[in-house]
């Protein structure tokens, strides 16, 4: 037994390292090559004593001669290892494969008015991921029966659920001790946040989530799928729910299509039921419709950048840079046809402060459409919006692209220091001096339409105007962020209608029993409508 102890230790170390680091057993994975190098080095270190003991100091010549054959085998294996790695890496370089890199993504030219529907302001996502995370933490803080044992995960996914934009966030165990206490029941709930109404809801499950990144040992998500798909190169894991609210982990599987390590693309995904552990692999063309995210935004933007910069060759991308374009640094999400699309602007590689157009890329199918609409670069629009409220110190989120009466428009949420949305801005992409600000979405839209008309731009009406006539049944005033809002109810209606007193002074003349004529708009908040006109 003692004779083979170093061999046993070597094998145990290798198995333990694989259990911890979980590399894909795949020659296209650089992690696997590093793991093989680790195996070689650790094997030599652990067996160093055996190697040294095999050397006869009294007859070094014989010792080296006897060991020559083994040494040659090791050296040749190491040389082959290095040569294959370097050749594979060289064959992956864009300098040699520019055409292949530029062909990773197929880009079609789209028509803005035809492809992007008129904005429905009752269902546009007004939150970004950071604001959604704050709401999720606050919601979790109200759940006294769970908050001591579970925490909100730092990751979330934007999805389309029941025709509306949501962010869905899993929970995790608060610590290893809390995992031990709760692992038999699993994680009992997840949180969904309506991106339009800012309503956060904790969804309790009949059976708890048993597979997740916060589990240990065999129920750890990555370890669970690695031992079932040992050769798959997973590119992250994402939490989603199907149309029935059942939680799943979506695990995209990547492939390297250029050389050994280049041309990263997605070839399929493992879809794993987070409660039961049941799993199935889908090729990318067979991904179910309810799944919204297989291609992550960073990969899509990387592939578009290859398309935009390398279509005319690698040398051109460095020097002449003729017809070379790249995506801007940020991105946002748009819901179209029950899919989630990544939106980002397209600008010249010279890095000027304007866009030549923008691109939409489908996160399920990788379909990409380019729209040639020159205008303000997103960060310039964000600066313009912040300049309108600089006295308040609000910061702008990355813009959302909207079709407002046929006009390409940036919609921007403005957040305070606590990360909560306080105001909204709309900036015309092509005429970016037009910047409208509002305390509510409907106020922002009204201000934007008025500015457009004042600048000689007529836009189509987004929706029919809502109106109401009746008798005031109650009047209340509420101060929000230093502004007075008047809330009224009208006989025969259970809804509240509100107006900022400074914008609609006529409402101050109304009292209980007064007759009133209103025009109002939906704002995504259930039972509360924004007054656009009062008399």
Foldseek 3Di string as FASTA:
>chain_A
DVVCVLVVVLVVVLVVVCLVPVDFPALLGVVNLVSVVVSVVVSCVSCVVVLVVQADPVCNVVSCVVCVVVVVVVVVVVVVSVVLVVQLVVQQDCQVVLQVLLPLADAAADDCPVFADFDDQLADQAADLVLLQVLQQVVLVVPVVPVVFKGWDPDWDWFQAPNGTKIKTAIATPDVVSCVVCLVQAAFWIWIAGRQQRDIDIGGDPGHFNADCRDDDCRHNSSVVCVVNRNFAWDDWHWDAFRVRFIKIKTWTWDADGRSHHSIDTQWIWIARRGPRDIDIDGLVGPDLRDAARADPVNLQSSVQSSQQSNPHDVCSPPVSPRHKHWDDDWDWDDDPRYIWIKTFIPRPVDDQKGQWIKIAGRRNRHMYTYGDIFGHQVVLQVLQCVVVVVQVWGWDGWDWRQHLNFTKTKIFTAHPVSHTQKIWIAGGHHRVQIFIDRAPVNRSLRSCVSCVVVVHHGDHSDDWDKDKAFWAAWDWDADPNWIKIWTDGPPAQAIEIETCVVAVVCVVHHGGDIKMFTWDDRNHPRYIYTPDID
